[in-house]
Amino acid sequence: MNTVIQDHWRVVLDEWVRPFRLCFRHIAQQRWVTPYLLGLLGPGERKSVEPMAERVAPGAKEQLHHFVAASKWDTGPGIPPVPWTRALCGQCGRA
């Protein structure tokens, strides 16, 4: 994927994520939502933190790892992660 497409994709994804970002209570978490999603959705076969960080935020492996490890994720069966659940319900008017 060339740099122009990557930059455009980052801008579009960041705009889409904006309403959901506030569901993360900490500014550091809000900052890492877009890079994390870019790592998951973008090219690359390995989706663990280290390879994703190398692709989307070179030199920031620890920060991306902290976002994944310290954010509150609900792992119950069939339940989306808590921050996304609040955001999606709020967006649909069911909050």
Protein backbone atom coordinates (compact mmCIF):
# COMPACT_ATOMS: atom_id res chain seq x y z
CA MET A 1 0.00 0.00 0.00
CA ASN A 2 1.56 3.32 -0.98
CA THR A 3 2.00 6.24 1.41
CA VAL A 4 -0.72 8.43 -0.16
CA ILE A 5 -3.32 5.69 0.24
CA GLN A 6 -2.15 4.99 3.80
CA ASP A 7 -2.39 8.68 4.72
CA HIS A 8 -5.87 8.95 3.18
CA TRP A 9 -7.03 5.77 4.92
CA ARG A 10 -5.74 7.08 8.27
CA VAL A 11 -7.69 10.35 7.84
CA VAL A 12 -10.91 8.56 6.83
CA LEU A 13 -10.64 6.05 9.67
CA ASP A 14 -9.85 8.80 12.17
CA GLU A 15 -13.01 10.67 11.13
CA TRP A 16 -15.09 7.52 11.47
CA VAL A 17 -13.62 6.74 14.91
CA ARG A 18 -14.13 10.28 16.27
CA PRO A 19 -17.60 9.71 17.85
CA PHE A 20 -16.40 6.50 19.51
CA ARG A 21 -13.14 7.94 20.85
CA LEU A 22 -14.85 9.65 23.79
CA CYS A 23 -16.01 6.28 25.09
CA PHE A 24 -12.44 5.74 26.18
CA ARG A 25 -12.03 7.70 29.38
CA HIS A 26 -8.30 8.39 29.18
CA ILE A 27 -6.71 10.69 26.62
CA ALA A 28 -3.91 8.19 26.02
CA GLN A 29 -6.51 5.55 25.13
CA GLN A 30 -8.32 7.98 22.84
CA ARG A 31 -5.07 8.70 21.04
CA TRP A 32 -4.34 5.02 20.33
CA VAL A 33 -7.76 3.95 18.98
CA THR A 34 -7.00 4.88 15.36
CA PRO A 35 -3.47 3.40 15.23
CA TYR A 36 -4.75 0.19 16.81
CA LEU A 37 -7.54 -0.15 14.26
CA LEU A 38 -5.14 0.69 11.44
CA GLY A 39 -2.93 -2.14 12.62
CA LEU A 40 -5.83 -4.59 12.76
CA LEU A 41 -7.44 -3.57 9.46
CA GLY A 42 -4.34 -2.74 7.45
CA PRO A 43 -1.96 -4.99 5.58
CA GLY A 44 0.23 -7.44 7.37
CA GLU A 45 -0.31 -11.03 8.34
CA ARG A 46 0.70 -10.72 12.00
CA LYS A 47 -1.80 -8.82 14.13
CA SER A 48 0.01 -8.98 17.46
CA VAL A 49 1.10 -5.70 19.02
CA GLU A 50 4.76 -5.65 18.01
CA PRO A 51 4.30 -6.15 14.24
CA MET A 52 1.30 -3.82 14.18
CA ALA A 53 3.26 -1.11 16.00
CA GLU A 54 6.11 -1.44 13.51
CA ARG A 55 3.63 -0.79 10.69
CA VAL A 56 1.47 1.99 12.17
CA ALA A 57 3.58 3.63 14.90
CA PRO A 58 7.28 2.79 14.54
CA GLY A 59 9.10 3.18 17.84
CA ALA A 60 5.90 3.19 19.90
CA LYS A 61 5.46 -0.50 20.64
CA GLU A 62 5.14 0.08 24.40
CA GLN A 63 2.39 2.68 24.01
CA LEU A 64 0.32 0.48 21.70
CA HIS A 65 0.84 -2.48 24.02
CA HIS A 66 -0.31 -0.40 26.98
CA PHE A 67 -3.47 0.62 25.07
CA VAL A 68 -4.32 -3.01 24.40
CA ALA A 69 -3.37 -4.30 27.86
CA ALA A 70 -4.75 -1.49 30.04
CA SER A 71 -8.02 -0.68 28.27
CA LYS A 72 -11.16 -2.19 29.72
CA TRP A 73 -12.36 -4.92 27.35
CA ASP A 74 -15.41 -7.02 28.13
CA THR A 75 -14.67 -10.57 27.05
CA GLY A 76 -18.08 -12.07 27.80
CA PRO A 77 -19.65 -14.29 25.15
CA GLY A 78 -21.29 -12.30 22.36
CA ILE A 79 -20.65 -8.95 24.02
CA PRO A 80 -18.63 -6.34 22.13
CA PRO A 81 -15.90 -4.56 24.11
CA VAL A 82 -17.38 -2.15 26.65
CA PRO A 83 -16.19 1.14 25.11
CA TRP A 84 -17.50 0.16 21.67
CA THR A 85 -20.81 -1.04 23.14
CA ARG A 86 -21.44 2.32 24.79
CA ALA A 87 -20.45 4.16 21.66
CA LEU A 88 -22.59 2.09 19.31
CA CYS A 89 -25.64 2.25 21.57
CA GLY A 90 -25.20 5.99 21.92
CA GLN A 91 -24.90 6.40 18.15
CA CYS A 92 -28.10 4.40 17.63
CA GLY A 93 -30.02 6.38 20.24
CA ARG A 94 -30.26 3.40 22.63
CA ALA A 95 -27.84 4.62 25.30
